[in-house]
Amino acid sequence: MTAEEILKAIIEMDNSERIKLLNKLYDRYFDNRPPREQIIKEKEEIFWGTDDD
């Protein structure tokens, strides 16, 4: 598909489907946060320290 074909398909979508698509695009291509598990581990290390301390 070309970008123009994709844009046309997006324009023709129901609003709820467009929102689902935007969320999926964000999750796949634009969300650069570390995984949730890594965030939790880092916070625990900040609070409790590491085993090496």
C-alpha atoms as a PDB file:
ATOM      1  CA  MET A   1       0.000   0.000   0.000  1.00  0.00           C
ATOM      2  CA  THR A   2       1.076   3.539  -0.550  1.00  0.00           C
ATOM      3  CA  ALA A   3       0.855   6.269   2.055  1.00  0.00           C
ATOM      4  CA  GLU A   4      -2.021   7.844   0.123  1.00  0.00           C
ATOM      5  CA  GLU A   5      -3.964   4.551   0.127  1.00  0.00           C
ATOM      6  CA  ILE A   6      -3.432   4.151   3.864  1.00  0.00           C
ATOM      7  CA  LEU A   7      -4.510   7.727   4.520  1.00  0.00           C
ATOM      8  CA  LYS A   8      -7.678   7.198   2.447  1.00  0.00           C
ATOM      9  CA  ALA A   9      -8.471   4.039   4.441  1.00  0.00           C
ATOM     10  CA  ILE A  10      -7.961   5.917   7.726  1.00  0.00           C
ATOM     11  CA  ILE A  11     -10.276   8.714   6.590  1.00  0.00           C
ATOM     12  CA  GLU A  12     -12.973   6.165   5.732  1.00  0.00           C
ATOM     13  CA  MET A  13     -12.776   4.425   9.159  1.00  0.00           C
ATOM     14  CA  ASP A  14     -15.261   4.856  11.979  1.00  0.00           C
ATOM     15  CA  ASN A  15     -13.884   7.072  14.712  1.00  0.00           C
ATOM     16  CA  SER A  16     -13.604   4.190  17.198  1.00  0.00           C
ATOM     17  CA  GLU A  17     -11.555   2.132  14.725  1.00  0.00           C
ATOM     18  CA  ARG A  18      -9.352   5.146  13.998  1.00  0.00           C
ATOM     19  CA  ILE A  19      -8.639   5.537  17.717  1.00  0.00           C
ATOM     20  CA  LYS A  20      -7.754   1.826  18.006  1.00  0.00           C
ATOM     21  CA  LEU A  21      -5.403   2.194  15.033  1.00  0.00           C
ATOM     22  CA  LEU A  22      -3.700   5.242  16.505  1.00  0.00           C
ATOM     23  CA  ASN A  23      -3.151   3.424  19.795  1.00  0.00           C
ATOM     24  CA  LYS A  24      -1.656   0.424  17.983  1.00  0.00           C
ATOM     25  CA  LEU A  25       0.613   2.657  15.879  1.00  0.00           C
ATOM     26  CA  TYR A  26       1.798   4.465  19.005  1.00  0.00           C
ATOM     27  CA  ASP A  27       2.514   1.196  20.824  1.00  0.00           C
ATOM     28  CA  ARG A  28       4.386  -0.286  17.893  1.00  0.00           C
ATOM     29  CA  TYR A  29       6.339   2.655  16.484  1.00  0.00           C
ATOM     30  CA  PHE A  30       6.419   5.652  18.832  1.00  0.00           C
ATOM     31  CA  ASP A  31       6.428   4.442  22.450  1.00  0.00           C
ATOM     32  CA  ASN A  32      10.080   4.534  23.487  1.00  0.00           C
ATOM     33  CA  ARG A  33       9.515   3.913  27.193  1.00  0.00           C
ATOM     34  CA  PRO A  34      11.253   0.878  28.694  1.00  0.00           C
ATOM     35  CA  PRO A  35       9.100  -2.169  29.461  1.00  0.00           C
ATOM     36  CA  ARG A  36       6.965  -1.987  32.626  1.00  0.00           C
ATOM     37  CA  GLU A  37       8.991  -4.749  34.283  1.00  0.00           C
ATOM     38  CA  GLN A  38      12.198  -2.770  33.844  1.00  0.00           C
ATOM     39  CA  ILE A  39      10.644   0.367  35.336  1.00  0.00           C
ATOM     40  CA  ILE A  40       9.434  -1.588  38.376  1.00  0.00           C
ATOM     41  CA  LYS A  41      12.859  -3.215  38.846  1.00  0.00           C
ATOM     42  CA  GLU A  42      14.644   0.140  38.656  1.00  0.00           C
ATOM     43  CA  LYS A  43      12.252   1.713  41.186  1.00  0.00           C
ATOM     44  CA  GLU A  44      12.741  -1.216  43.560  1.00  0.00           C
ATOM     45  CA  GLU A  45      16.524  -0.851  43.255  1.00  0.00           C
ATOM     46  CA  ILE A  46      16.271   2.875  43.978  1.00  0.00           C
ATOM     47  CA  PHE A  47      14.102   2.232  47.040  1.00  0.00           C
ATOM     48  CA  TRP A  48      15.723  -0.934  48.412  1.00  0.00           C
ATOM     49  CA  GLY A  49      19.178  -0.759  46.843  1.00  0.00           C
ATOM     50  CA  THR A  50      20.856  -3.685  45.130  1.00  0.00           C
ATOM     51  CA  ASP A  51      22.100  -6.911  46.647  1.00  0.00           C
ATOM     52  CA  ASP A  52      25.661  -5.638  46.107  1.00  0.00           C
ATOM     53  CA  ASP A  53      25.210  -2.651  48.448  1.00  0.00           C
END
